[in-house]
PDB file of all heavy atoms in Angstrom:
ATOM      1  N   SER A   1      37.295  64.572  46.466  1.00  0.00           N
ATOM      2  CA  SER A   1      38.131  64.296  45.297  1.00  0.00           C
ATOM      3  C   SER A   1      39.618  64.419  45.563  1.00  0.00           C
ATOM      4  O   SER A   1      40.439  63.985  44.749  1.00  0.00           O
ATOM      5  CB  SER A   1      37.766  65.279  44.183  1.00  0.00           C
ATOM      6  OG  SER A   1      38.100  66.606  44.594  1.00  0.00           O
ATOM      7  N   GLY A   2      39.993  65.058  46.691  1.00  0.00           N
ATOM      8  CA  GLY A   2      41.369  65.485  46.837  1.00  0.00           C
ATOM      9  C   GLY A   2      41.630  66.655  45.897  1.00  0.00           C
ATOM     10  O   GLY A   2      40.720  67.145  45.215  1.00  0.00           O
ATOM     11  N   LEU A   3      42.861  67.117  45.837  1.00  0.00           N
ATOM     12  CA  LEU A   3      43.193  68.246  44.971  1.00  0.00           C
ATOM     13  C   LEU A   3      43.192  67.806  43.509  1.00  0.00           C
ATOM     14  O   LEU A   3      43.823  66.822  43.146  1.00  0.00           O
ATOM     15  CB  LEU A   3      44.549  68.827  45.350  1.00  0.00           C
ATOM     16  CG  LEU A   3      44.880  70.204  44.758  1.00  0.00           C
ATOM     17  CD1 LEU A   3      45.778  70.994  45.718  1.00  0.00           C
ATOM     18  CD2 LEU A   3      45.571  70.090  43.408  1.00  0.00           C
ATOM     19  N   VAL A   4      42.435  68.527  42.681  1.00  0.00           N
ATOM     20  CA  VAL A   4      42.294  68.201  41.262  1.00  0.00           C
ATOM     21  C   VAL A   4      42.867  69.336  40.422  1.00  0.00           C
ATOM     22  O   VAL A   4      42.540  70.504  40.637  1.00  0.00           O
ATOM     23  CB  VAL A   4      40.817  67.969  40.881  1.00  0.00           C
ATOM     24  CG1 VAL A   4      40.689  67.650  39.395  1.00  0.00           C
ATOM     25  CG2 VAL A   4      40.210  66.848  41.724  1.00  0.00           C
ATOM     26  N   GLU A   5      43.712  68.996  39.469  1.00  0.00           N
ATOM     27  CA  GLU A   5      44.311  69.979  38.565  1.00  0.00           C
ATOM     28  C   GLU A   5      43.342  70.277  37.419  1.00  0.00           C
ATOM     29  O   GLU A   5      42.998  69.394  36.641  1.00  0.00           O
ATOM     30  CB  GLU A   5      45.631  69.433  38.016  1.00  0.00           C
ATOM     31  CG  GLU A   5      46.262  70.276  36.920  1.00  0.00           C
ATOM     32  CD  GLU A   5      46.632  71.657  37.385  1.00  0.00           C
ATOM     33  OE1 GLU A   5      47.580  71.777  38.184  1.00  0.00           O
ATOM     34  OE2 GLU A   5      45.973  72.618  36.936  1.00  0.00           O
ATOM     35  N   ARG A   6      42.891  71.513  37.310  1.00  0.00           N
ATOM     36  CA  ARG A   6      42.027  71.931  36.208  1.00  0.00           C
ATOM     37  C   ARG A   6      42.732  72.910  35.275  1.00  0.00           C
ATOM     38  O   ARG A   6      42.095  73.487  34.403  1.00  0.00           O
ATOM     39  CB  ARG A   6      40.740  72.566  36.756  1.00  0.00           C
ATOM     40  CG  ARG A   6      39.826  71.603  37.511  1.00  0.00           C
ATOM     41  CD  ARG A   6      39.399  70.458  36.642  1.00  0.00           C
ATOM     42  NE  ARG A   6      38.372  69.602  37.248  1.00  0.00           N
ATOM     43  CZ  ARG A   6      38.149  68.353  36.884  1.00  0.00           C
ATOM     44  NH1 ARG A   6      38.882  67.791  35.919  1.00  0.00           N
ATOM     45  NH2 ARG A   6      37.201  67.647  37.455  1.00  0.00           N
ATOM     46  N   TYR A   7      44.000  73.129  35.477  1.00  0.00           N
ATOM     47  CA  TYR A   7      44.862  73.986  34.653  1.00  0.00           C
ATOM     48  C   TYR A   7      44.577  75.475  34.841  1.00  0.00           C
ATOM     49  O   TYR A   7      45.485  76.249  35.130  1.00  0.00           O
ATOM     50  CB  TYR A   7      44.771  73.601  33.175  1.00  0.00           C
ATOM     51  CG  TYR A   7      45.837  74.278  32.327  1.00  0.00           C
ATOM     52  CD1 TYR A   7      47.187  74.055  32.587  1.00  0.00           C
ATOM     53  CD2 TYR A   7      45.506  75.120  31.281  1.00  0.00           C
ATOM     54  CE1 TYR A   7      48.173  74.660  31.830  1.00  0.00           C
ATOM     55  CE2 TYR A   7      46.482  75.723  30.507  1.00  0.00           C
ATOM     56  CZ  TYR A   7      47.819  75.499  30.797  1.00  0.00           C
ATOM     57  OH  TYR A   7      48.807  76.111  30.045  1.00  0.00           O
ATOM     58  N   TYR A   8      43.326  75.890  34.695  1.00  0.00           N
ATOM     59  CA  TYR A   8      42.970  77.300  34.869  1.00  0.00           C
ATOM     60  C   TYR A   8      42.744  77.634  36.346  1.00  0.00           C
ATOM     61  O   TYR A   8      42.738  78.793  36.743  1.00  0.00           O
ATOM     62  CB  TYR A   8      41.724  77.640  34.041  1.00  0.00           C
ATOM     63  CG  TYR A   8      41.888  77.230  32.604  1.00  0.00           C
ATOM     64  CD1 TYR A   8      41.160  76.169  32.077  1.00  0.00           C
ATOM     65  CD2 TYR A   8      42.813  77.862  31.782  1.00  0.00           C
ATOM     66  CE1 TYR A   8      41.333  75.759  30.761  1.00  0.00           C
ATOM     67  CE2 TYR A   8      43.000  77.453  30.462  1.00  0.00           C
ATOM     68  CZ  TYR A   8      42.260  76.406  29.958  1.00  0.00           C
ATOM     69  OH  TYR A   8      42.448  76.007  28.654  1.00  0.00           O
ATOM     70  N   PHE A   9      42.547  76.586  37.147  1.00  0.00           N
ATOM     71  CA  PHE A   9      42.451  76.691  38.607  1.00  0.00           C
ATOM     72  C   PHE A   9      42.615  75.286  39.172  1.00  0.00           C
ATOM     73  O   PHE A   9      42.647  74.307  38.415  1.00  0.00           O
ATOM     74  CB  PHE A   9      41.111  77.310  39.054  1.00  0.00           C
ATOM     75  CG  PHE A   9      39.904  76.777  38.338  1.00  0.00           C
ATOM     76  CD1 PHE A   9      39.276  75.603  38.750  1.00  0.00           C
ATOM     77  CD2 PHE A   9      39.376  77.452  37.244  1.00  0.00           C
ATOM     78  CE1 PHE A   9      38.164  75.108  38.085  1.00  0.00           C
ATOM     79  CE2 PHE A   9      38.258  76.967  36.565  1.00  0.00           C
ATOM     80  CZ  PHE A   9      37.652  75.786  36.992  1.00  0.00           C
ATOM     81  N   ARG A  10      42.780  75.181  40.482  1.00  0.00           N
ATOM     82  CA  ARG A  10      42.828  73.878  41.146  1.00  0.00           C
ATOM     83  C   ARG A  10      41.576  73.725  41.994  1.00  0.00           C
ATOM     84  O   ARG A  10      41.047  74.719  42.493  1.00  0.00           O
ATOM     85  CB  ARG A  10      44.079  73.747  42.031  1.00  0.00           C
ATOM     86  CG  ARG A  10      45.318  73.339  41.259  1.00  0.00           C
ATOM     87  CD  ARG A  10      46.053  74.525  40.733  1.00  0.00           C
ATOM     88  NE  ARG A  10      47.102  74.167  39.774  1.00  0.00           N
ATOM     89  CZ  ARG A  10      47.899  75.049  39.212  1.00  0.00           C
ATOM     90  NH1 ARG A  10      47.803  76.347  39.507  1.00  0.00           N
ATOM     91  NH2 ARG A  10      48.797  74.662  38.334  1.00  0.00           N
ATOM     92  N   SER A  11      41.125  72.499  42.173  1.00  0.00           N
ATOM     93  CA  SER A  11      39.814  72.278  42.768  1.00  0.00           C
ATOM     94  C   SER A  11      39.796  71.161  43.799  1.00  0.00           C
ATOM     95  O   SER A  11      40.667  70.290  43.822  1.00  0.00           O
ATOM     96  CB  SER A  11      38.801  71.932  41.671  1.00  0.00           C
ATOM     97  OG  SER A  11      38.663  72.983  40.745  1.00  0.00           O
ATOM     98  N   LEU A  12      38.753  71.217  44.630  1.00  0.00           N
ATOM     99  CA  LEU A  12      38.400  70.162  45.577  1.00  0.00           C
ATOM    100  C   LEU A  12      36.887  69.998  45.487  1.00  0.00           C
ATOM    101  O   LEU A  12      36.152  70.986  45.511  1.00  0.00           O
ATOM    102  CB  LEU A  12      38.796  70.559  46.997  1.00  0.00           C
ATOM    103  CG  LEU A  12      38.153  69.772  48.149  1.00  0.00           C
ATOM    104  CD1 LEU A  12      38.687  68.341  48.171  1.00  0.00           C
ATOM    105  CD2 LEU A  12      38.406  70.458  49.483  1.00  0.00           C
ATOM    106  N   TYR A  13      36.409  68.749  45.378  1.00  0.00           N
ATOM    107  CA  TYR A  13      34.975  68.489  45.267  1.00  0.00           C
ATOM    108  C   TYR A  13      34.515  67.615  46.441  1.00  0.00           C
ATOM    109  O   TYR A  13      35.204  66.665  46.831  1.00  0.00           O
ATOM    110  CB  TYR A  13      34.648  67.749  43.968  1.00  0.00           C
ATOM    111  CG  TYR A  13      35.041  68.459  42.707  1.00  0.00           C
ATOM    112  CD1 TYR A  13      36.337  68.340  42.191  1.00  0.00           C
ATOM    113  CD2 TYR A  13      34.128  69.243  42.003  1.00  0.00           C
ATOM    114  CE1 TYR A  13      36.709  68.991  41.018  1.00  0.00           C
ATOM    115  CE2 TYR A  13      34.479  69.897  40.828  1.00  0.00           C
ATOM    116  CZ  TYR A  13      35.780  69.763  40.340  1.00  0.00           C
ATOM    117  OH  TYR A  13      36.144  70.413  39.181  1.00  0.00           O
ATOM    118  N   PHE A  14      33.331  67.921  46.968  1.00  0.00           N
ATOM    119  CA  PHE A  14      32.703  67.066  47.968  1.00  0.00           C
ATOM    120  C   PHE A  14      31.204  67.366  47.997  1.00  0.00           C
ATOM    121  O   PHE A  14      30.766  68.418  47.527  1.00  0.00           O
ATOM    122  CB  PHE A  14      33.322  67.256  49.358  1.00  0.00           C
ATOM    123  CG  PHE A  14      33.056  68.596  49.995  1.00  0.00           C
ATOM    124  CD1 PHE A  14      32.045  68.757  50.942  1.00  0.00           C
ATOM    125  CD2 PHE A  14      33.822  69.713  49.658  1.00  0.00           C
ATOM    126  CE1 PHE A  14      31.794  69.986  51.525  1.00  0.00           C
ATOM    127  CE2 PHE A  14      33.586  70.954  50.245  1.00  0.00           C
ATOM    128  CZ  PHE A  14      32.567  71.087  51.180  1.00  0.00           C
ATOM    129  N   ARG A  15      30.414  66.444  48.536  1.00  0.00           N
ATOM    130  CA  ARG A  15      28.963  66.637  48.632  1.00  0.00           C
ATOM    131  C   ARG A  15      28.553  66.908  50.076  1.00  0.00           C
ATOM    132  O   ARG A  15      29.040  66.253  51.000  1.00  0.00           O
ATOM    133  CB  ARG A  15      28.212  65.413  48.106  1.00  0.00           C
ATOM    134  CG  ARG A  15      28.323  65.246  46.609  1.00  0.00           C
ATOM    135  CD  ARG A  15      27.381  64.163  46.080  1.00  0.00           C
ATOM    136  NE  ARG A  15      27.625  63.931  44.657  1.00  0.00           N
ATOM    137  CZ  ARG A  15      27.082  64.643  43.676  1.00  0.00           C
ATOM    138  NH1 ARG A  15      26.230  65.621  43.971  1.00  0.00           N
ATOM    139  NH2 ARG A  15      27.370  64.386  42.412  1.00  0.00           N
ATOM    140  N   GLU A  16      27.631  67.870  50.219  1.00  0.00           N
ATOM    141  CA  GLU A  16      27.072  68.113  51.543  1.00  0.00           C
ATOM    142  C   GLU A  16      25.940  67.098  51.769  1.00  0.00           C
ATOM    143  O   GLU A  16      25.570  66.360  50.848  1.00  0.00           O
ATOM    144  CB  GLU A  16      26.630  69.576  51.670  1.00  0.00           C
ATOM    145  CG  GLU A  16      25.675  70.085  50.626  1.00  0.00           C
ATOM    146  CD  GLU A  16      24.243  69.673  50.926  1.00  0.00           C
ATOM    147  OE1 GLU A  16      23.763  69.927  52.040  1.00  0.00           O
ATOM    148  OE2 GLU A  16      23.605  69.086  50.028  1.00  0.00           O
ATOM    149  N   PRO A  17      25.389  66.998  52.997  1.00  0.00           N
ATOM    150  CA  PRO A  17      24.478  65.888  53.328  1.00  0.00           C
ATOM    151  C   PRO A  17      23.202  65.804  52.506  1.00  0.00           C
ATOM    152  O   PRO A  17      22.598  64.731  52.415  1.00  0.00           O
ATOM    153  CB  PRO A  17      24.156  66.139  54.805  1.00  0.00           C
ATOM    154  CG  PRO A  17      25.337  66.891  55.321  1.00  0.00           C
ATOM    155  CD  PRO A  17      25.760  67.767  54.197  1.00  0.00           C
ATOM    156  N   ASN A  18      22.746  66.908  51.895  1.00  0.00           N
ATOM    157  CA  ASN A  18      21.572  66.850  51.033  1.00  0.00           C
ATOM    158  C   ASN A  18      21.937  66.514  49.589  1.00  0.00           C
ATOM    159  O   ASN A  18      21.095  66.600  48.684  1.00  0.00           O
ATOM    160  CB  ASN A  18      20.797  68.159  51.094  1.00  0.00           C
ATOM    161  CG  ASN A  18      19.900  68.245  52.319  1.00  0.00           C
ATOM    162  OD1 ASN A  18      18.939  67.498  52.448  1.00  0.00           O
ATOM    163  ND2 ASN A  18      20.233  69.144  53.244  1.00  0.00           N
ATOM    164  N   GLY A  19      23.186  66.123  49.371  1.00  0.00           N
ATOM    165  CA  GLY A  19      23.595  65.600  48.071  1.00  0.00           C
ATOM    166  C   GLY A  19      24.053  66.626  47.057  1.00  0.00           C
ATOM    167  O   GLY A  19      24.321  66.281  45.900  1.00  0.00           O
ATOM    168  N   ILE A  20      24.168  67.902  47.441  1.00  0.00           N
ATOM    169  CA  ILE A  20      24.577  68.943  46.497  1.00  0.00           C
ATOM    170  C   ILE A  20      26.103  68.970  46.401  1.00  0.00           C
ATOM    171  O   ILE A  20      26.806  68.944  47.410  1.00  0.00           O
ATOM    172  CB  ILE A  20      24.018  70.303  46.922  1.00  0.00           C
ATOM    173  CG1 ILE A  20      22.486  70.257  46.856  1.00  0.00           C
ATOM    174  CG2 ILE A  20      24.559  71.421  46.049  1.00  0.00           C
ATOM    175  CD1 ILE A  20      21.802  71.464  47.429  1.00  0.00           C
ATOM    176  N   LEU A  21      26.596  69.023  45.169  1.00  0.00           N
ATOM    177  CA  LEU A  21      28.032  68.995  44.932  1.00  0.00           C
ATOM    178  C   LEU A  21      28.628  70.383  45.095  1.00  0.00           C
ATOM    179  O   LEU A  21      28.237  71.324  44.407  1.00  0.00           O
ATOM    180  CB  LEU A  21      28.320  68.461  43.528  1.00  0.00           C
ATOM    181  CG  LEU A  21      29.797  68.283  43.157  1.00  0.00           C
ATOM    182  CD1 LEU A  21      30.497  67.293  44.090  1.00  0.00           C
ATOM    183  CD2 LEU A  21      29.926  67.825  41.698  1.00  0.00           C
ATOM    184  N   PHE A  22      29.570  70.499  46.012  1.00  0.00           N
ATOM    185  CA  PHE A  22      30.317  71.728  46.253  1.00  0.00           C
ATOM    186  C   PHE A  22      31.733  71.566  45.703  1.00  0.00           C
ATOM    187  O   PHE A  22      32.320  70.478  45.773  1.00  0.00           O
ATOM    188  CB  PHE A  22      30.423  72.040  47.752  1.00  0.00           C
ATOM    189  CG  PHE A  22      29.155  72.557  48.383  1.00  0.00           C
ATOM    190  CD1 PHE A  22      29.054  72.604  49.771  1.00  0.00           C
ATOM    191  CD2 PHE A  22      28.077  72.985  47.627  1.00  0.00           C
ATOM    192  CE1 PHE A  22      27.901  73.084  50.382  1.00  0.00           C
ATOM    193  CE2 PHE A  22      26.916  73.471  48.225  1.00  0.00           C
ATOM    194  CZ  PHE A  22      26.835  73.516  49.615  1.00  0.00           C
ATOM    195  N   GLU A  23      32.269  72.641  45.190  1.00  0.00           N
ATOM    196  CA  GLU A  23      33.659  72.693  44.744  1.00  0.00           C
ATOM    197  C   GLU A  23      34.327  73.881  45.421  1.00  0.00           C
ATOM    198  O   GLU A  23      33.706  74.946  45.577  1.00  0.00           O
ATOM    199  CB  GLU A  23      33.726  72.850  43.224  1.00  0.00           C
ATOM    200  CG  GLU A  23      35.139  73.020  42.656  1.00  0.00           C
ATOM    201  CD  GLU A  23      35.154  73.256  41.147  1.00  0.00           C
ATOM    202  OE1 GLU A  23      34.078  73.173  40.524  1.00  0.00           O
ATOM    203  OE2 GLU A  23      36.240  73.554  40.609  1.00  0.00           O
ATOM    204  N   LEU A  24      35.549  73.728  45.825  1.00  0.00           N
ATOM    205  CA  LEU A  24      36.398  74.846  46.240  1.00  0.00           C
ATOM    206  C   LEU A  24      37.438  75.016  45.151  1.00  0.00           C
ATOM    207  O   LEU A  24      38.077  74.042  44.743  1.00  0.00           O
ATOM    208  CB  LEU A  24      37.064  74.575  47.591  1.00  0.00           C
ATOM    209  CG  LEU A  24      36.138  74.194  48.758  1.00  0.00           C
ATOM    210  CD1 LEU A  24      36.943  74.083  50.045  1.00  0.00           C
ATOM    211  CD2 LEU A  24      35.000  75.194  48.924  1.00  0.00           C
ATOM    212  N   ALA A  25      37.608  76.237  44.641  1.00  0.00           N
ATOM    213  CA  ALA A  25      38.496  76.464  43.497  1.00  0.00           C
ATOM    214  C   ALA A  25      39.374  77.678  43.734  1.00  0.00           C
ATOM    215  O   ALA A  25      38.942  78.687  44.296  1.00  0.00           O
ATOM    216  CB  ALA A  25      37.670  76.669  42.226  1.00  0.00           C
ATOM    217  N   THR A  26      40.612  77.586  43.282  1.00  0.00           N
ATOM    218  CA  THR A  26      41.554  78.685  43.459  1.00  0.00           C
ATOM    219  C   THR A  26      41.251  79.841  42.499  1.00  0.00           C
ATOM    220  O   THR A  26      40.717  79.639  41.412  1.00  0.00           O
ATOM    221  CB  THR A  26      42.998  78.219  43.226  1.00  0.00           C
ATOM    222  OG1 THR A  26      43.107  77.699  41.888  1.00  0.00           O
ATOM    223  CG2 THR A  26      43.398  77.136  44.214  1.00  0.00           C
ATOM    224  N   ASP A  27      41.624  81.031  42.897  1.00  0.00           N
ATOM    225  CA  ASP A  27      41.402  82.206  42.053  1.00  0.00           C
ATOM    226  C   ASP A  27      42.225  82.169  40.769  1.00  0.00           C
ATOM    227  O   ASP A  27      41.831  82.747  39.755  1.00  0.00           O
ATOM    228  CB  ASP A  27      41.745  83.489  42.828  1.00  0.00           C
ATOM    229  CG  ASP A  27      40.554  84.013  43.625  1.00  0.00           C
ATOM    230  OD1 ASP A  27      39.475  83.386  43.585  1.00  0.00           O
ATOM    231  OD2 ASP A  27      40.706  85.059  44.281  1.00  0.00           O
ATOM    232  N   GLY A  28      43.367  81.525  40.792  1.00  0.00           N
ATOM    233  CA  GLY A  28      44.225  81.499  39.618  1.00  0.00           C
ATOM    234  C   GLY A  28      44.606  80.071  39.250  1.00  0.00           C
ATOM    235  O   GLY A  28      44.158  79.127  39.895  1.00  0.00           O
ATOM    236  N   PRO A  29      45.411  79.940  38.184  1.00  0.00           N
ATOM    237  CA  PRO A  29      46.102  80.964  37.378  1.00  0.00           C
ATOM    238  C   PRO A  29      45.217  81.818  36.480  1.00  0.00           C
ATOM    239  O   PRO A  29      45.591  82.901  36.090  1.00  0.00           O
ATOM    240  CB  PRO A  29      47.068  80.134  36.532  1.00  0.00           C
ATOM    241  CG  PRO A  29      47.172  78.814  37.207  1.00  0.00           C
ATOM    242  CD  PRO A  29      45.844  78.581  37.830  1.00  0.00           C
ATOM    243  N   GLY A  30      44.031  81.329  36.069  1.00  0.00           N
ATOM    244  CA  GLY A  30      43.159  82.118  35.231  1.00  0.00           C
ATOM    245  C   GLY A  30      43.181  81.711  33.773  1.00  0.00           C
ATOM    246  O   GLY A  30      43.987  80.889  33.327  1.00  0.00           O
ATOM    247  N   PHE A  31      42.299  82.324  32.995  1.00  0.00           N
ATOM    248  CA  PHE A  31      42.080  81.908  31.612  1.00  0.00           C
ATOM    249  C   PHE A  31      43.087  82.472  30.616  1.00  0.00           C
ATOM    250  O   PHE A  31      43.122  82.047  29.459  1.00  0.00           O
ATOM    251  CB  PHE A  31      40.661  82.269  31.187  1.00  0.00           C
ATOM    252  CG  PHE A  31      39.615  81.518  31.960  1.00  0.00           C
ATOM    253  CD1 PHE A  31      38.739  82.179  32.806  1.00  0.00           C
ATOM    254  CD2 PHE A  31      39.529  80.137  31.868  1.00  0.00           C
ATOM    255  CE1 PHE A  31      37.783  81.480  33.520  1.00  0.00           C
ATOM    256  CE2 PHE A  31      38.576  79.429  32.590  1.00  0.00           C
ATOM    257  CZ  PHE A  31      37.700  80.100  33.420  1.00  0.00           C
ATOM    258  N   GLU A  32      43.902  83.409  31.050  1.00  0.00           N
ATOM    259  CA  GLU A  32      44.928  83.943  30.152  1.00  0.00           C
ATOM    260  C   GLU A  32      46.221  83.143  30.222  1.00  0.00           C
ATOM    261  O   GLU A  32      47.232  83.537  29.647  1.00  0.00           O
ATOM    262  CB  GLU A  32      45.169  85.417  30.467  1.00  0.00           C
ATOM    263  CG  GLU A  32      43.975  86.301  30.122  1.00  0.00           C
ATOM    264  CD  GLU A  32      44.110  87.721  30.638  1.00  0.00           C
ATOM    265  OE1 GLU A  32      44.977  88.452  30.137  1.00  0.00           O
ATOM    266  OE2 GLU A  32      43.341  88.100  31.553  1.00  0.00           O
ATOM    267  N   LYS A  33      46.154  81.999  30.878  1.00  0.00           N
ATOM    268  CA  LYS A  33      47.348  81.151  30.965  1.00  0.00           C
ATOM    269  C   LYS A  33      47.734  80.597  29.602  1.00  0.00           C
ATOM    270  O   LYS A  33      48.907  80.364  29.329  1.00  0.00           O
ATOM    271  CB  LYS A  33      47.097  80.016  31.957  1.00  0.00           C
ATOM    272  CG  LYS A  33      48.332  79.175  32.234  1.00  0.00           C
ATOM    273  CD  LYS A  33      48.114  78.166  33.349  1.00  0.00           C
ATOM    274  CE  LYS A  33      49.397  77.393  33.632  1.00  0.00           C
ATOM    275  NZ  LYS A  33      49.230  76.385  34.701  1.00  0.00           N
ATOM    276  N   ASP A  34      46.728  80.380  28.722  1.00  0.00           N
ATOM    277  CA  ASP A  34      47.045  79.792  27.422  1.00  0.00           C
ATOM    278  C   ASP A  34      46.454  80.577  26.239  1.00  0.00           C
ATOM    279  O   ASP A  34      46.542  80.134  25.102  1.00  0.00           O
ATOM    280  CB  ASP A  34      46.584  78.333  27.357  1.00  0.00           C
ATOM    281  CG  ASP A  34      45.085  78.169  27.559  1.00  0.00           C
ATOM    282  OD1 ASP A  34      44.403  79.178  27.840  1.00  0.00           O
ATOM    283  OD2 ASP A  34      44.590  77.025  27.455  1.00  0.00           O
ATOM    284  N   GLU A  35      45.848  81.745  26.512  1.00  0.00           N
ATOM    285  CA  GLU A  35      45.310  82.594  25.451  1.00  0.00           C
ATOM    286  C   GLU A  35      45.465  84.052  25.855  1.00  0.00           C
ATOM    287  O   GLU A  35      45.271  84.384  27.032  1.00  0.00           O
ATOM    288  CB  GLU A  35      43.818  82.333  25.224  1.00  0.00           C
ATOM    289  CG  GLU A  35      43.448  81.028  24.576  1.00  0.00           C
ATOM    290  CD  GLU A  35      41.937  80.954  24.348  1.00  0.00           C
ATOM    291  OE1 GLU A  35      41.184  80.981  25.334  1.00  0.00           O
ATOM    292  OE2 GLU A  35      41.523  80.865  23.177  1.00  0.00           O
ATOM    293  N   PRO A  36      45.772  84.944  24.917  1.00  0.00           N
ATOM    294  CA  PRO A  36      45.830  86.361  25.253  1.00  0.00           C
ATOM    295  C   PRO A  36      44.430  86.916  25.488  1.00  0.00           C
ATOM    296  O   PRO A  36      43.434  86.389  24.967  1.00  0.00           O
ATOM    297  CB  PRO A  36      46.485  87.002  24.029  1.00  0.00           C
ATOM    298  CG  PRO A  36      46.174  86.077  22.905  1.00  0.00           C
ATOM    299  CD  PRO A  36      46.146  84.697  23.506  1.00  0.00           C
ATOM    300  N   PHE A  37      44.353  87.989  26.254  1.00  0.00           N
ATOM    301  CA  PHE A  37      43.089  88.624  26.590  1.00  0.00           C
ATOM    302  C   PHE A  37      42.244  88.912  25.346  1.00  0.00           C
ATOM    303  O   PHE A  37      41.035  88.678  25.324  1.00  0.00           O
ATOM    304  CB  PHE A  37      43.358  89.924  27.357  1.00  0.00           C
ATOM    305  CG  PHE A  37      42.138  90.778  27.564  1.00  0.00           C
ATOM    306  CD1 PHE A  37      41.217  90.466  28.546  1.00  0.00           C
ATOM    307  CD2 PHE A  37      41.905  91.888  26.764  1.00  0.00           C
ATOM    308  CE1 PHE A  37      40.082  91.251  28.744  1.00  0.00           C
ATOM    309  CE2 PHE A  37      40.779  92.680  26.944  1.00  0.00           C
ATOM    310  CZ  PHE A  37      39.858  92.349  27.934  1.00  0.00           C
ATOM    311  N   GLU A  38      42.886  89.390  24.296  1.00  0.00           N
ATOM    312  CA  GLU A  38      42.162  89.837  23.103  1.00  0.00           C
ATOM    313  C   GLU A  38      41.398  88.721  22.406  1.00  0.00           C
ATOM    314  O   GLU A  38      40.380  88.969  21.755  1.00  0.00           O
ATOM    315  CB  GLU A  38      43.134  90.473  22.110  1.00  0.00           C
ATOM    316  CG  GLU A  38      43.739  91.796  22.559  1.00  0.00           C
ATOM    317  CD  GLU A  38      44.833  91.605  23.622  1.00  0.00           C
ATOM    318  OE1 GLU A  38      45.342  90.466  23.785  1.00  0.00           O
ATOM    319  OE2 GLU A  38      45.165  92.611  24.293  1.00  0.00           O
ATOM    320  N   THR A  39      41.875  87.484  22.518  1.00  0.00           N
ATOM    321  CA  THR A  39      41.257  86.385  21.764  1.00  0.00           C
ATOM    322  C   THR A  39      40.739  85.266  22.659  1.00  0.00           C
ATOM    323  O   THR A  39      40.578  84.125  22.209  1.00  0.00           O
ATOM    324  CB  THR A  39      42.261  85.808  20.751  1.00  0.00           C
ATOM    325  OG1 THR A  39      43.431  85.342  21.446  1.00  0.00           O
ATOM    326  CG2 THR A  39      42.652  86.843  19.714  1.00  0.00           C
ATOM    327  N   LEU A  40      40.450  85.572  23.910  1.00  0.00           N
ATOM    328  CA  LEU A  40      39.915  84.553  24.812  1.00  0.00           C
ATOM    329  C   LEU A  40      38.679  83.877  24.202  1.00  0.00           C
ATOM    330  O   LEU A  40      37.796  84.541  23.652  1.00  0.00           O
ATOM    331  CB  LEU A  40      39.524  85.187  26.150  1.00  0.00           C
ATOM    332  CG  LEU A  40      40.655  85.558  27.108  1.00  0.00           C
ATOM    333  CD1 LEU A  40      40.091  86.319  28.317  1.00  0.00           C
ATOM    334  CD2 LEU A  40      41.400  84.319  27.586  1.00  0.00           C
ATOM    335  N   GLY A  41      38.635  82.577  24.280  1.00  0.00           N
ATOM    336  CA  GLY A  41      37.464  81.829  23.878  1.00  0.00           C
ATOM    337  C   GLY A  41      37.273  81.617  22.393  1.00  0.00           C
ATOM    338  O   GLY A  41      36.296  80.981  21.973  1.00  0.00           O
ATOM    339  N   GLU A  42      38.187  82.105  21.577  1.00  0.00           N
ATOM    340  CA  GLU A  42      37.982  82.007  20.132  1.00  0.00           C
ATOM    341  C   GLU A  42      38.363  80.643  19.564  1.00  0.00           C
ATOM    342  O   GLU A  42      37.821  80.214  18.543  1.00  0.00           O
ATOM    343  CB  GLU A  42      38.760  83.117  19.413  1.00  0.00           C
ATOM    344  CG  GLU A  42      38.212  84.515  19.705  1.00  0.00           C
ATOM    345  CD  GLU A  42      38.913  85.596  18.915  1.00  0.00           C
ATOM    346  OE1 GLU A  42      39.742  85.244  18.029  1.00  0.00           O
ATOM    347  OE2 GLU A  42      38.648  86.786  19.172  1.00  0.00           O
ATOM    348  N   LYS A  43      39.297  79.963  20.199  1.00  0.00           N
ATOM    349  CA  LYS A  43      39.722  78.647  19.721  1.00  0.00           C
ATOM    350  C   LYS A  43      39.499  77.613  20.813  1.00  0.00           C
ATOM    351  O   LYS A  43      39.329  77.942  21.986  1.00  0.00           O
ATOM    352  CB  LYS A  43      41.211  78.680  19.332  1.00  0.00           C
ATOM    353  CG  LYS A  43      41.518  79.609  18.162  1.00  0.00           C
ATOM    354  CD  LYS A  43      42.999  79.576  17.828  1.00  0.00           C
ATOM    355  CE  LYS A  43      43.320  80.490  16.645  1.00  0.00           C
ATOM    356  NZ  LYS A  43      44.765  80.495  16.315  1.00  0.00           N
ATOM    357  N   LEU A  44      39.499  76.344  20.415  1.00  0.00           N
ATOM    358  CA  LEU A  44      39.374  75.280  21.394  1.00  0.00           C
ATOM    359  C   LEU A  44      40.669  75.183  22.194  1.00  0.00           C
ATOM    360  O   LEU A  44      41.739  74.916  21.636  1.00  0.00           O
ATOM    361  CB  LEU A  44      39.092  73.944  20.702  1.00  0.00           C
ATOM    362  CG  LEU A  44      38.910  72.756  21.657  1.00  0.00           C
ATOM    363  CD1 LEU A  44      37.601  72.877  22.434  1.00  0.00           C
ATOM    364  CD2 LEU A  44      38.970  71.434  20.901  1.00  0.00           C
ATOM    365  N   SER A  45      40.576  75.407  23.490  1.00  0.00           N
ATOM    366  CA  SER A  45      41.741  75.340  24.376  1.00  0.00           C
ATOM    367  C   SER A  45      41.770  73.979  25.075  1.00  0.00           C
ATOM    368  O   SER A  45      40.743  73.529  25.589  1.00  0.00           O
ATOM    369  CB  SER A  45      41.685  76.450  25.427  1.00  0.00           C
ATOM    370  OG  SER A  45      41.791  77.715  24.829  1.00  0.00           O
ATOM    371  N   LEU A  46      42.934  73.370  25.091  1.00  0.00           N
ATOM    372  CA  LEU A  46      43.115  72.101  25.781  1.00  0.00           C
ATOM    373  C   LEU A  46      44.305  72.207  26.716  1.00  0.00           C
ATOM    374  O   LEU A  46      45.378  72.665  26.304  1.00  0.00           O
ATOM    375  CB  LEU A  46      43.354  70.966  24.776  1.00  0.00           C
ATOM    376  CG  LEU A  46      42.218  70.674  23.779  1.00  0.00           C
ATOM    377  CD1 LEU A  46      42.663  69.597  22.802  1.00  0.00           C
ATOM    378  CD2 LEU A  46      40.943  70.277  24.493  1.00  0.00           C
TER     379      LEU A  46
END
């Protein structure tokens, strides 16, 4: 896929020879980039 921006992390996708999809993803920035810890997951984040 090349480098893909997922906002909460960045990713690379490719398939190994048996057809299974692998992703490599960065540890950050993380889910608190657009929501505080106290209310994670409560609203639809885009």
